[in-house]
Amino acid sequence: MSIPRIRLRQVIAVLTVAVVLAGLGVGAYFVGHSGGEDLAAAHAAGARAGAKSGEHRGQHRGYARGYKRARSQGFQRAYDAAFRRAYANAFRKIGVPPPRNVNVPHPGAAKSQAPAGD
């Protein structure tokens, strides 16, 4: 039985590669941990920008939604009153007393029939 001979150059080359790789690993570790403050600052800046953008978007969408709802409610109230007034005036013009209860049709209804009164 013979023991295989190990060549000194191969051992030195393998050890050199191992030391270089270990050095790169340690260097990468320290570089990765040194950026923690930058990461926290970037996270804080991103959170502020997101909050500001969300607030701005929410204000505009909320305003538009509220404006639309308020306008339709105001229109509905004005439409009801105007319809009842015009309906009563039409009866008065022909000399007939107007009905007390008038069913107001939905604005934009397909059929334009006279609503039922009393």
PDB file of N, CA and C in Angstrom:
ATOM      1  N   MET A   1       0.812  -1.167   0.000  1.00  0.00           N
ATOM      2  CA  MET A   1       0.000   0.000   0.000  1.00  0.00           C
ATOM      3  C   MET A   1       0.860   1.236   0.000  1.00  0.00           C
ATOM      4  N   SER A   2       0.546   2.050  -0.924  1.00  0.00           N
ATOM      5  CA  SER A   2       1.323   3.275  -0.971  1.00  0.00           C
ATOM      6  C   SER A   2       0.416   4.460  -0.689  1.00  0.00           C
ATOM      7  N   ILE A   3       0.899   5.405  -0.004  1.00  0.00           N
ATOM      8  CA  ILE A   3       0.172   6.626   0.329  1.00  0.00           C
ATOM      9  C   ILE A   3       0.337   7.577  -0.845  1.00  0.00           C
ATOM     10  N   PRO A   4      -0.802   8.130  -1.321  1.00  0.00           N
ATOM     11  CA  PRO A   4      -0.667   9.051  -2.444  1.00  0.00           C
ATOM     12  C   PRO A   4       0.108  10.298  -2.036  1.00  0.00           C
ATOM     13  N   ARG A   5       0.881  10.738  -2.958  1.00  0.00           N
ATOM     14  CA  ARG A   5       1.695  11.918  -2.677  1.00  0.00           C
ATOM     15  C   ARG A   5       0.887  13.167  -2.968  1.00  0.00           C
ATOM     16  N   ILE A   6       0.930  14.088  -2.093  1.00  0.00           N
ATOM     17  CA  ILE A   6       0.228  15.356  -2.243  1.00  0.00           C
ATOM     18  C   ILE A   6       1.220  16.374  -2.746  1.00  0.00           C
ATOM     19  N   ARG A   7       0.812  17.066  -3.788  1.00  0.00           N
ATOM     20  CA  ARG A   7       1.701  18.069  -4.335  1.00  0.00           C
ATOM     21  C   ARG A   7       1.504  19.374  -3.582  1.00  0.00           C
ATOM     22  N   LEU A   8       2.589  19.981  -3.233  1.00  0.00           N
ATOM     23  CA  LEU A   8       2.575  21.205  -2.447  1.00  0.00           C
ATOM     24  C   LEU A   8       1.916  22.360  -3.186  1.00  0.00           C
ATOM     25  N   ARG A   9       2.116  22.461  -4.486  1.00  0.00           N
ATOM     26  CA  ARG A   9       1.518  23.556  -5.251  1.00  0.00           C
ATOM     27  C   ARG A   9      -0.017  23.473  -5.251  1.00  0.00           C
ATOM     28  N   GLN A  10      -0.564  22.290  -5.370  1.00  0.00           N
ATOM     29  CA  GLN A  10      -2.020  22.133  -5.366  1.00  0.00           C
ATOM     30  C   GLN A  10      -2.612  22.511  -4.003  1.00  0.00           C
ATOM     31  N   VAL A  11      -1.924  22.129  -2.938  1.00  0.00           N
ATOM     32  CA  VAL A  11      -2.397  22.455  -1.596  1.00  0.00           C
ATOM     33  C   VAL A  11      -2.366  23.964  -1.382  1.00  0.00           C
ATOM     34  N   ILE A  12      -1.308  24.605  -1.821  1.00  0.00           N
ATOM     35  CA  ILE A  12      -1.199  26.056  -1.660  1.00  0.00           C
ATOM     36  C   ILE A  12      -2.285  26.760  -2.493  1.00  0.00           C
ATOM     37  N   ALA A  13      -2.544  26.278  -3.701  1.00  0.00           N
ATOM     38  CA  ALA A  13      -3.567  26.888  -4.563  1.00  0.00           C
ATOM     39  C   ALA A  13      -4.950  26.739  -3.937  1.00  0.00           C
ATOM     40  N   VAL A  14      -5.260  25.566  -3.413  1.00  0.00           N
ATOM     41  CA  VAL A  14      -6.565  25.337  -2.796  1.00  0.00           C
ATOM     42  C   VAL A  14      -6.723  26.203  -1.551  1.00  0.00           C
ATOM     43  N   LEU A  15      -5.677  26.280  -0.723  1.00  0.00           N
ATOM     44  CA  LEU A  15      -5.733  27.118   0.481  1.00  0.00           C
ATOM     45  C   LEU A  15      -5.865  28.599   0.118  1.00  0.00           C
ATOM     46  N   THR A  16      -5.201  29.024  -0.932  1.00  0.00           N
ATOM     47  CA  THR A  16      -5.284  30.420  -1.363  1.00  0.00           C
ATOM     48  C   THR A  16      -6.711  30.743  -1.813  1.00  0.00           C
ATOM     49  N   VAL A  17      -7.313  29.866  -2.596  1.00  0.00           N
ATOM     50  CA  VAL A  17      -8.685  30.076  -3.050  1.00  0.00           C
ATOM     51  C   VAL A  17      -9.634  30.109  -1.851  1.00  0.00           C
ATOM     52  N   ALA A  18      -9.447  29.226  -0.888  1.00  0.00           N
ATOM     53  CA  ALA A  18     -10.306  29.184   0.298  1.00  0.00           C
ATOM     54  C   ALA A  18     -10.180  30.468   1.108  1.00  0.00           C
ATOM     55  N   VAL A  19      -8.961  30.973   1.269  1.00  0.00           N
ATOM     56  CA  VAL A  19      -8.753  32.209   2.025  1.00  0.00           C
ATOM     57  C   VAL A  19      -9.380  33.399   1.288  1.00  0.00           C
ATOM     58  N   VAL A  20      -9.240  33.444  -0.033  1.00  0.00           N
ATOM     59  CA  VAL A  20      -9.821  34.537  -0.809  1.00  0.00           C
ATOM     60  C   VAL A  20     -11.354  34.497  -0.705  1.00  0.00           C
ATOM     61  N   LEU A  21     -11.941  33.318  -0.828  1.00  0.00           N
ATOM     62  CA  LEU A  21     -13.398  33.205  -0.719  1.00  0.00           C
ATOM     63  C   LEU A  21     -13.879  33.572   0.691  1.00  0.00           C
ATOM     64  N   ALA A  22     -13.164  33.164   1.692  1.00  0.00           N
ATOM     65  CA  ALA A  22     -13.546  33.521   3.065  1.00  0.00           C
ATOM     66  C   ALA A  22     -13.437  35.033   3.264  1.00  0.00           C
ATOM     67  N   GLY A  23     -12.396  35.642   2.708  1.00  0.00           N
ATOM     68  CA  GLY A  23     -12.241  37.091   2.804  1.00  0.00           C
ATOM     69  C   GLY A  23     -13.369  37.833   2.097  1.00  0.00           C
ATOM     70  N   LEU A  24     -13.763  37.339   0.925  1.00  0.00           N
ATOM     71  CA  LEU A  24     -14.880  37.950   0.211  1.00  0.00           C
ATOM     72  C   LEU A  24     -16.187  37.802   1.006  1.00  0.00           C
ATOM     73  N   GLY A  25     -16.374  36.660   1.628  1.00  0.00           N
ATOM     74  CA  GLY A  25     -17.574  36.448   2.431  1.00  0.00           C
ATOM     75  C   GLY A  25     -17.635  37.379   3.625  1.00  0.00           C
ATOM     76  N   VAL A  26     -16.508  37.535   4.319  1.00  0.00           N
ATOM     77  CA  VAL A  26     -16.466  38.444   5.470  1.00  0.00           C
ATOM     78  C   VAL A  26     -16.672  39.887   5.019  1.00  0.00           C
ATOM     79  N   GLY A  27     -16.043  40.261   3.914  1.00  0.00           N
ATOM     80  CA  GLY A  27     -16.216  41.622   3.389  1.00  0.00           C
ATOM     81  C   GLY A  27     -17.662  41.897   2.997  1.00  0.00           C
ATOM     82  N   ALA A  28     -18.303  40.930   2.339  1.00  0.00           N
ATOM     83  CA  ALA A  28     -19.704  41.095   1.957  1.00  0.00           C
ATOM     84  C   ALA A  28     -20.594  41.216   3.192  1.00  0.00           C
ATOM     85  N   TYR A  29     -20.271  40.468   4.221  1.00  0.00           N
ATOM     86  CA  TYR A  29     -21.049  40.543   5.465  1.00  0.00           C
ATOM     87  C   TYR A  29     -20.981  41.946   6.059  1.00  0.00           C
ATOM     88  N   PHE A  30     -19.778  42.502   6.141  1.00  0.00           N
ATOM     89  CA  PHE A  30     -19.631  43.841   6.723  1.00  0.00           C
ATOM     90  C   PHE A  30     -20.251  44.917   5.841  1.00  0.00           C
ATOM     91  N   VAL A  31     -20.140  44.785   4.535  1.00  0.00           N
ATOM     92  CA  VAL A  31     -20.762  45.757   3.633  1.00  0.00           C
ATOM     93  C   VAL A  31     -22.284  45.692   3.765  1.00  0.00           C
ATOM     94  N   GLY A  32     -22.825  44.503   3.876  1.00  0.00           N
ATOM     95  CA  GLY A  32     -24.269  44.343   4.024  1.00  0.00           C
ATOM     96  C   GLY A  32     -24.790  44.947   5.310  1.00  0.00           C
ATOM     97  N   HIS A  33     -24.066  44.814   6.381  1.00  0.00           N
ATOM     98  CA  HIS A  33     -24.515  45.366   7.659  1.00  0.00           C
ATOM     99  C   HIS A  33     -24.223  46.846   7.806  1.00  0.00           C
ATOM    100  N   SER A  34     -23.338  47.380   7.011  1.00  0.00           N
ATOM    101  CA  SER A  34     -23.029  48.804   7.141  1.00  0.00           C
ATOM    102  C   SER A  34     -24.109  49.671   6.512  1.00  0.00           C
ATOM    103  N   GLY A  35     -24.983  49.129   5.649  1.00  0.00           N
ATOM    104  CA  GLY A  35     -26.015  49.920   4.982  1.00  0.00           C
ATOM    105  C   GLY A  35     -27.315  49.992   5.768  1.00  0.00           C
ATOM    106  N   GLY A  36     -27.348  49.580   7.022  1.00  0.00           N
ATOM    107  CA  GLY A  36     -28.571  49.559   7.816  1.00  0.00           C
ATOM    108  C   GLY A  36     -29.172  50.939   8.015  1.00  0.00           C
ATOM    109  N   GLU A  37     -28.359  51.936   8.237  1.00  0.00           N
ATOM    110  CA  GLU A  37     -28.862  53.300   8.429  1.00  0.00           C
ATOM    111  C   GLU A  37     -29.474  53.824   7.139  1.00  0.00           C
ATOM    112  N   ASP A  38     -28.840  53.521   6.016  1.00  0.00           N
ATOM    113  CA  ASP A  38     -29.381  53.954   4.729  1.00  0.00           C
ATOM    114  C   ASP A  38     -30.717  53.274   4.452  1.00  0.00           C
ATOM    115  N   LEU A  39     -30.815  52.010   4.826  1.00  0.00           N
ATOM    116  CA  LEU A  39     -32.058  51.279   4.621  1.00  0.00           C
ATOM    117  C   LEU A  39     -33.181  51.870   5.462  1.00  0.00           C
ATOM    118  N   ALA A  40     -32.883  52.211   6.714  1.00  0.00           N
ATOM    119  CA  ALA A  40     -33.900  52.811   7.580  1.00  0.00           C
ATOM    120  C   ALA A  40     -34.341  54.167   7.036  1.00  0.00           C
ATOM    121  N   ALA A  41     -33.393  54.957   6.540  1.00  0.00           N
ATOM    122  CA  ALA A  41     -33.742  56.267   5.971  1.00  0.00           C
ATOM    123  C   ALA A  41     -34.589  56.110   4.711  1.00  0.00           C
ATOM    124  N   ALA A  42     -34.231  55.135   3.876  1.00  0.00           N
ATOM    125  CA  ALA A  42     -35.006  54.900   2.661  1.00  0.00           C
ATOM    126  C   ALA A  42     -36.409  54.416   3.010  1.00  0.00           C
ATOM    127  N   HIS A  43     -36.507  53.565   4.016  1.00  0.00           N
ATOM    128  CA  HIS A  43     -37.826  53.067   4.436  1.00  0.00           C
ATOM    129  C   HIS A  43     -38.687  54.210   4.963  1.00  0.00           C
ATOM    130  N   ALA A  44     -38.108  55.080   5.766  1.00  0.00           N
ATOM    131  CA  ALA A  44     -38.855  56.214   6.314  1.00  0.00           C
ATOM    132  C   ALA A  44     -39.292  57.166   5.199  1.00  0.00           C
ATOM    133  N   ALA A  45     -38.405  57.426   4.255  1.00  0.00           N
ATOM    134  CA  ALA A  45     -38.753  58.313   3.141  1.00  0.00           C
ATOM    135  C   ALA A  45     -39.868  57.706   2.291  1.00  0.00           C
ATOM    136  N   GLY A  46     -39.798  56.410   2.057  1.00  0.00           N
ATOM    137  CA  GLY A  46     -40.848  55.740   1.286  1.00  0.00           C
ATOM    138  C   GLY A  46     -42.186  55.762   2.004  1.00  0.00           C
ATOM    139  N   ALA A  47     -42.158  55.561   3.320  1.00  0.00           N
ATOM    140  CA  ALA A  47     -43.400  55.595   4.105  1.00  0.00           C
ATOM    141  C   ALA A  47     -44.025  56.992   4.068  1.00  0.00           C
ATOM    142  N   ARG A  48     -43.188  58.025   4.190  1.00  0.00           N
ATOM    143  CA  ARG A  48     -43.712  59.400   4.114  1.00  0.00           C
ATOM    144  C   ARG A  48     -44.312  59.687   2.748  1.00  0.00           C
ATOM    145  N   ALA A  49     -43.607  59.284   1.694  1.00  0.00           N
ATOM    146  CA  ALA A  49     -44.110  59.532   0.339  1.00  0.00           C
ATOM    147  C   ALA A  49     -45.414  58.780   0.101  1.00  0.00           C
ATOM    148  N   GLY A  50     -45.493  57.544   0.592  1.00  0.00           N
ATOM    149  CA  GLY A  50     -46.721  56.768   0.430  1.00  0.00           C
ATOM    150  C   GLY A  50     -47.884  57.368   1.191  1.00  0.00           C
ATOM    151  N   ALA A  51     -47.628  57.834   2.398  1.00  0.00           N
ATOM    152  CA  ALA A  51     -48.694  58.455   3.190  1.00  0.00           C
ATOM    153  C   ALA A  51     -49.190  59.732   2.523  1.00  0.00           C
ATOM    154  N   LYS A  52     -48.265  60.526   2.004  1.00  0.00           N
ATOM    155  CA  LYS A  52     -48.650  61.772   1.346  1.00  0.00           C
ATOM    156  C   LYS A  52     -49.450  61.486   0.076  1.00  0.00           C
ATOM    157  N   SER A  53     -48.997  60.504  -0.697  1.00  0.00           N
ATOM    158  CA  SER A  53     -49.702  60.140  -1.928  1.00  0.00           C
ATOM    159  C   SER A  53     -51.087  59.589  -1.609  1.00  0.00           C
ATOM    160  N   GLY A  54     -51.188  58.741  -0.593  1.00  0.00           N
ATOM    161  CA  GLY A  54     -52.480  58.185  -0.209  1.00  0.00           C
ATOM    162  C   GLY A  54     -53.435  59.245   0.295  1.00  0.00           C
ATOM    163  N   GLU A  55     -52.911  60.195   1.055  1.00  0.00           N
ATOM    164  CA  GLU A  55     -53.758  61.284   1.559  1.00  0.00           C
ATOM    165  C   GLU A  55     -54.286  62.123   0.404  1.00  0.00           C
ATOM    166  N   HIS A  56     -53.407  62.458  -0.525  1.00  0.00           N
ATOM    167  CA  HIS A  56     -53.793  63.270  -1.679  1.00  0.00           C
ATOM    168  C   HIS A  56     -54.847  62.540  -2.511  1.00  0.00           C
ATOM    169  N   ARG A  57     -54.610  61.251  -2.785  1.00  0.00           N
ATOM    170  CA  ARG A  57     -55.554  60.477  -3.588  1.00  0.00           C
ATOM    171  C   ARG A  57     -56.896  60.338  -2.865  1.00  0.00           C
ATOM    172  N   GLY A  58     -56.855  60.103  -1.568  1.00  0.00           N
ATOM    173  CA  GLY A  58     -58.085  59.966  -0.799  1.00  0.00           C
ATOM    174  C   GLY A  58     -58.893  61.250  -0.754  1.00  0.00           C
ATOM    175  N   GLN A  59     -58.212  62.373  -0.634  1.00  0.00           N
ATOM    176  CA  GLN A  59     -58.922  63.654  -0.623  1.00  0.00           C
ATOM    177  C   GLN A  59     -59.636  63.891  -1.942  1.00  0.00           C
ATOM    178  N   HIS A  60     -58.948  63.630  -3.046  1.00  0.00           N
ATOM    179  CA  HIS A  60     -59.552  63.894  -4.352  1.00  0.00           C
ATOM    180  C   HIS A  60     -60.688  62.932  -4.652  1.00  0.00           C
ATOM    181  N   ARG A  61     -60.489  61.644  -4.356  1.00  0.00           N
ATOM    182  CA  ARG A  61     -61.564  60.686  -4.612  1.00  0.00           C
ATOM    183  C   ARG A  61     -62.729  60.931  -3.670  1.00  0.00           C
ATOM    184  N   GLY A  62     -62.431  61.220  -2.414  1.00  0.00           N
ATOM    185  CA  GLY A  62     -63.495  61.486  -1.449  1.00  0.00           C
ATOM    186  C   GLY A  62     -64.275  62.735  -1.812  1.00  0.00           C
ATOM    187  N   TYR A  63     -63.585  63.765  -2.267  1.00  0.00           N
ATOM    188  CA  TYR A  63     -64.256  64.998  -2.679  1.00  0.00           C
ATOM    189  C   TYR A  63     -65.183  64.728  -3.856  1.00  0.00           C
ATOM    190  N   ALA A  64     -64.676  64.007  -4.843  1.00  0.00           N
ATOM    191  CA  ALA A  64     -65.490  63.725  -6.037  1.00  0.00           C
ATOM    192  C   ALA A  64     -66.721  62.905  -5.662  1.00  0.00           C
ATOM    193  N   ARG A  65     -66.537  61.900  -4.809  1.00  0.00           N
ATOM    194  CA  ARG A  65     -67.668  61.061  -4.411  1.00  0.00           C
ATOM    195  C   ARG A  65     -68.689  61.870  -3.614  1.00  0.00           C
ATOM    196  N   GLY A  66     -68.208  62.696  -2.690  1.00  0.00           N
ATOM    197  CA  GLY A  66     -69.108  63.526  -1.883  1.00  0.00           C
ATOM    198  C   GLY A  66     -69.833  64.563  -2.723  1.00  0.00           C
ATOM    199  N   TYR A  67     -69.125  65.158  -3.669  1.00  0.00           N
ATOM    200  CA  TYR A  67     -69.738  66.164  -4.545  1.00  0.00           C
ATOM    201  C   TYR A  67     -70.859  65.532  -5.367  1.00  0.00           C
ATOM    202  N   LYS A  68     -70.583  64.343  -5.900  1.00  0.00           N
ATOM    203  CA  LYS A  68     -71.586  63.667  -6.719  1.00  0.00           C
ATOM    204  C   LYS A  68     -72.821  63.323  -5.892  1.00  0.00           C
ATOM    205  N   ARG A  69     -72.603  62.813  -4.680  1.00  0.00           N
ATOM    206  CA  ARG A  69     -73.733  62.445  -3.823  1.00  0.00           C
ATOM    207  C   ARG A  69     -74.535  63.677  -3.417  1.00  0.00           C
ATOM    208  N   ALA A  70     -73.844  64.737  -3.020  1.00  0.00           N
ATOM    209  CA  ALA A  70     -74.541  65.960  -2.595  1.00  0.00           C
ATOM    210  C   ALA A  70     -75.316  66.585  -3.756  1.00  0.00           C
ATOM    211  N   ARG A  71     -74.726  66.547  -4.926  1.00  0.00           N
ATOM    212  CA  ARG A  71     -75.409  67.125  -6.089  1.00  0.00           C
ATOM    213  C   ARG A  71     -76.669  66.335  -6.428  1.00  0.00           C
ATOM    214  N   SER A  72     -76.579  65.013  -6.367  1.00  0.00           N
ATOM    215  CA  SER A  72     -77.764  64.220  -6.694  1.00  0.00           C
ATOM    216  C   SER A  72     -78.847  64.390  -5.630  1.00  0.00           C
ATOM    217  N   GLN A  73     -78.455  64.518  -4.356  1.00  0.00           N
ATOM    218  CA  GLN A  73     -79.450  64.734  -3.303  1.00  0.00           C
ATOM    219  C   GLN A  73     -80.117  66.102  -3.464  1.00  0.00           C
ATOM    220  N   GLY A  74     -79.327  67.112  -3.750  1.00  0.00           N
ATOM    221  CA  GLY A  74     -79.873  68.454  -3.967  1.00  0.00           C
ATOM    222  C   GLY A  74     -80.789  68.495  -5.173  1.00  0.00           C
ATOM    223  N   PHE A  75     -80.396  67.805  -6.238  1.00  0.00           N
ATOM    224  CA  PHE A  75     -81.225  67.752  -7.435  1.00  0.00           C
ATOM    225  C   PHE A  75     -82.549  67.064  -7.134  1.00  0.00           C
ATOM    226  N   GLN A  76     -82.482  65.959  -6.388  1.00  0.00           N
ATOM    227  CA  GLN A  76     -83.708  65.223  -6.080  1.00  0.00           C
ATOM    228  C   GLN A  76     -84.681  66.078  -5.276  1.00  0.00           C
ATOM    229  N   ARG A  77     -84.178  66.803  -4.278  1.00  0.00           N
ATOM    230  CA  ARG A  77     -85.052  67.677  -3.484  1.00  0.00           C
ATOM    231  C   ARG A  77     -85.671  68.784  -4.346  1.00  0.00           C
ATOM    232  N   ALA A  78     -84.842  69.416  -5.159  1.00  0.00           N
ATOM    233  CA  ALA A  78     -85.338  70.498  -6.016  1.00  0.00           C
ATOM    234  C   ALA A  78     -86.312  69.955  -7.057  1.00  0.00           C
ATOM    235  N   TYR A  79     -86.029  68.778  -7.593  1.00  0.00           N
ATOM    236  CA  TYR A  79     -86.905  68.176  -8.597  1.00  0.00           C
ATOM    237  C   TYR A  79     -88.271  67.878  -7.994  1.00  0.00           C
ATOM    238  N   ASP A  80     -88.288  67.283  -6.799  1.00  0.00           N
ATOM    239  CA  ASP A  80     -89.564  66.982  -6.141  1.00  0.00           C
ATOM    240  C   ASP A  80     -90.405  68.243  -5.957  1.00  0.00           C
ATOM    241  N   ALA A  81     -89.799  69.275  -5.407  1.00  0.00           N
ATOM    242  CA  ALA A  81     -90.540  70.518  -5.147  1.00  0.00           C
ATOM    243  C   ALA A  81     -91.013  71.154  -6.447  1.00  0.00           C
ATOM    244  N   ALA A  82     -90.149  71.209  -7.455  1.00  0.00           N
ATOM    245  CA  ALA A  82     -90.520  71.828  -8.723  1.00  0.00           C
ATOM    246  C   ALA A  82     -91.615  71.029  -9.422  1.00  0.00           C
ATOM    247  N   PHE A  83     -91.525  69.704  -9.360  1.00  0.00           N
ATOM    248  CA  PHE A  83     -92.542  68.874 -10.003  1.00  0.00           C
ATOM    249  C   PHE A  83     -93.900  69.068  -9.337  1.00  0.00           C
ATOM    250  N   ARG A  84     -93.923  69.053  -8.013  1.00  0.00           N
ATOM    251  CA  ARG A  84     -95.191  69.231  -7.281  1.00  0.00           C
ATOM    252  C   ARG A  84     -95.814  70.605  -7.591  1.00  0.00           C
ATOM    253  N   ARG A  85     -94.965  71.644  -7.625  1.00  0.00           N
ATOM    254  CA  ARG A  85     -95.438  72.993  -7.916  1.00  0.00           C
ATOM    255  C   ARG A  85     -96.010  73.075  -9.336  1.00  0.00           C
ATOM    256  N   ALA A  86     -95.287  72.542 -10.305  1.00  0.00           N
ATOM    257  CA  ALA A  86     -95.737  72.589 -11.695  1.00  0.00           C
ATOM    258  C   ALA A  86     -97.004  71.760 -11.886  1.00  0.00           C
ATOM    259  N   TYR A  87     -97.076  70.625 -11.223  1.00  0.00           N
ATOM    260  CA  TYR A  87     -98.247  69.766 -11.320  1.00  0.00           C
ATOM    261  C   TYR A  87     -99.483  70.476 -10.760  1.00  0.00           C
ATOM    262  N   ALA A  88     -99.312  71.119  -9.594  1.00  0.00           N
ATOM    263  CA  ALA A  88    -100.428  71.856  -8.977  1.00  0.00           C
ATOM    264  C   ALA A  88    -100.829  73.045  -9.838  1.00  0.00           C
ATOM    265  N   ASN A  89     -99.854  73.757 -10.417  1.00  0.00           N
ATOM    266  CA  ASN A  89    -100.163  74.906 -11.274  1.00  0.00           C
ATOM    267  C   ASN A  89    -100.930  74.490 -12.528  1.00  0.00           C
ATOM    268  N   ALA A  90    -100.599  73.311 -13.061  1.00  0.00           N
ATOM    269  CA  ALA A  90    -101.317  72.824 -14.244  1.00  0.00           C
ATOM    270  C   ALA A  90    -102.792  72.606 -13.904  1.00  0.00           C
ATOM    271  N   PHE A  91    -103.061  72.077 -12.735  1.00  0.00           N
ATOM    272  CA  PHE A  91    -104.461  71.889 -12.319  1.00  0.00           C
ATOM    273  C   PHE A  91    -105.145  73.232 -12.089  1.00  0.00           C
ATOM    274  N   ARG A  92    -104.437  74.170 -11.470  1.00  0.00           N
ATOM    275  CA  ARG A  92    -105.027  75.488 -11.193  1.00  0.00           C
ATOM    276  C   ARG A  92    -105.366  76.232 -12.477  1.00  0.00           C
ATOM    277  N   LYS A  93    -104.518  76.076 -13.499  1.00  0.00           N
ATOM    278  CA  LYS A  93    -104.744  76.766 -14.768  1.00  0.00           C
ATOM    279  C   LYS A  93    -106.057  76.339 -15.420  1.00  0.00           C
ATOM    280  N   ILE A  94    -106.425  75.094 -15.258  1.00  0.00           N
ATOM    281  CA  ILE A  94    -107.674  74.637 -15.880  1.00  0.00           C
ATOM    282  C   ILE A  94    -108.866  74.757 -14.927  1.00  0.00           C
ATOM    283  N   GLY A  95    -108.610  75.326 -13.746  1.00  0.00           N
ATOM    284  CA  GLY A  95    -109.683  75.610 -12.814  1.00  0.00           C
ATOM    285  C   GLY A  95    -110.088  74.449 -11.927  1.00  0.00           C
ATOM    286  N   VAL A  96    -109.226  73.503 -11.747  1.00  0.00           N
ATOM    287  CA  VAL A  96    -109.513  72.332 -10.915  1.00  0.00           C
ATOM    288  C   VAL A  96    -108.598  72.386  -9.694  1.00  0.00           C
ATOM    289  N   PRO A  97    -109.109  72.053  -8.514  1.00  0.00           N
ATOM    290  CA  PRO A  97    -108.227  72.057  -7.349  1.00  0.00           C
ATOM    291  C   PRO A  97    -107.159  70.956  -7.476  1.00  0.00           C
ATOM    292  N   PRO A  98    -105.902  71.278  -7.160  1.00  0.00           N
ATOM    293  CA  PRO A  98    -104.823  70.289  -7.302  1.00  0.00           C
ATOM    294  C   PRO A  98    -104.925  69.199  -6.233  1.00  0.00           C
ATOM    295  N   PRO A  99    -104.446  68.015  -6.527  1.00  0.00           N
ATOM    296  CA  PRO A  99    -104.450  66.958  -5.528  1.00  0.00           C
ATOM    297  C   PRO A  99    -103.446  67.277  -4.419  1.00  0.00           C
ATOM    298  N   ARG A 100    -103.746  66.770  -3.234  1.00  0.00           N
ATOM    299  CA  ARG A 100    -102.829  67.030  -2.108  1.00  0.00           C
ATOM    300  C   ARG A 100    -101.604  66.126  -2.152  1.00  0.00           C
ATOM    301  N   ASN A 101    -101.789  64.890  -2.528  1.00  0.00           N
ATOM    302  CA  ASN A 101    -100.666  63.940  -2.587  1.00  0.00           C
ATOM    303  C   ASN A 101    -100.318  63.655  -4.039  1.00  0.00           C
ATOM    304  N   VAL A 102     -99.081  63.915  -4.396  1.00  0.00           N
ATOM    305  CA  VAL A 102     -98.615  63.702  -5.764  1.00  0.00           C
ATOM    306  C   VAL A 102     -97.424  62.752  -5.701  1.00  0.00           C
ATOM    307  N   ASN A 103     -97.497  61.680  -6.484  1.00  0.00           N
ATOM    308  CA  ASN A 103     -96.361  60.761  -6.594  1.00  0.00           C
ATOM    309  C   ASN A 103     -95.415  61.297  -7.660  1.00  0.00           C
ATOM    310  N   VAL A 104     -94.226  61.633  -7.255  1.00  0.00           N
ATOM    311  CA  VAL A 104     -93.250  62.214  -8.174  1.00  0.00           C
ATOM    312  C   VAL A 104     -92.498  61.076  -8.862  1.00  0.00           C
ATOM    313  N   PRO A 105     -92.493  61.068 -10.215  1.00  0.00           N
ATOM    314  CA  PRO A 105     -91.750  60.012 -10.914  1.00  0.00           C
ATOM    315  C   PRO A 105     -90.247  60.230 -10.788  1.00  0.00           C
ATOM    316  N   HIS A 106     -89.522  59.173 -11.006  1.00  0.00           N
ATOM    317  CA  HIS A 106     -88.061  59.260 -10.976  1.00  0.00           C
ATOM    318  C   HIS A 106     -87.601  60.099 -12.164  1.00  0.00           C
ATOM    319  N   PRO A 107     -86.680  61.049 -11.946  1.00  0.00           N
ATOM    320  CA  PRO A 107     -86.221  61.866 -13.074  1.00  0.00           C
ATOM    321  C   PRO A 107     -85.545  60.990 -14.124  1.00  0.00           C
ATOM    322  N   GLY A 108     -85.884  61.227 -15.348  1.00  0.00           N
ATOM    323  CA  GLY A 108     -85.285  60.452 -16.435  1.00  0.00           C
ATOM    324  C   GLY A 108     -86.003  59.145 -16.676  1.00  0.00           C
ATOM    325  N   ALA A 109     -87.217  58.983 -16.140  1.00  0.00           N
ATOM    326  CA  ALA A 109     -87.975  57.764 -16.364  1.00  0.00           C
ATOM    327  C   ALA A 109     -88.323  57.652 -17.848  1.00  0.00           C
ATOM    328  N   ALA A 110     -88.392  56.426 -18.342  1.00  0.00           N
ATOM    329  CA  ALA A 110     -88.618  56.206 -19.769  1.00  0.00           C
ATOM    330  C   ALA A 110     -90.002  56.686 -20.194  1.00  0.00           C
ATOM    331  N   LYS A 111     -91.016  56.424 -19.389  1.00  0.00           N
ATOM    332  CA  LYS A 111     -92.376  56.829 -19.741  1.00  0.00           C
ATOM    333  C   LYS A 111     -92.697  58.173 -19.076  1.00  0.00           C
ATOM    334  N   SER A 112     -93.295  59.060 -19.809  1.00  0.00           N
ATOM    335  CA  SER A 112     -93.654  60.362 -19.238  1.00  0.00           C
ATOM    336  C   SER A 112     -95.169  60.417 -19.046  1.00  0.00           C
ATOM    337  N   GLN A 113     -95.674  59.561 -18.182  1.00  0.00           N
ATOM    338  CA  GLN A 113     -97.108  59.559 -17.884  1.00  0.00           C
ATOM    339  C   GLN A 113     -97.357  60.459 -16.705  1.00  0.00           C
ATOM    340  N   ALA A 114     -98.564  60.965 -16.625  1.00  0.00           N
ATOM    341  CA  ALA A 114     -98.943  61.780 -15.482  1.00  0.00           C
ATOM    342  C   ALA A 114     -99.041  60.874 -14.264  1.00  0.00           C
ATOM    343  N   PRO A 115     -98.422  61.267 -13.156  1.00  0.00           N
ATOM    344  CA  PRO A 115     -98.473  60.410 -11.968  1.00  0.00           C
ATOM    345  C   PRO A 115     -99.858  60.425 -11.338  1.00  0.00           C
ATOM    346  N   ALA A 116    -100.142  59.375 -10.606  1.00  0.00           N
ATOM    347  CA  ALA A 116    -101.438  59.283  -9.925  1.00  0.00           C
ATOM    348  C   ALA A 116    -101.469  60.276  -8.772  1.00  0.00           C
ATOM    349  N   GLY A 117    -102.591  60.923  -8.610  1.00  0.00           N
ATOM    350  CA  GLY A 117    -102.755  61.893  -7.522  1.00  0.00           C
ATOM    351  C   GLY A 117    -103.393  61.234  -6.328  1.00  0.00           C
ATOM    352  N   ASP A 118    -104.295  61.966  -5.674  1.00  0.00           N
ATOM    353  CA  ASP A 118    -104.998  61.449  -4.500  1.00  0.00           C
ATOM    354  C   ASP A 118    -105.433  60.069  -4.787  1.00  0.00           C
TER     355      ASP A 118
END
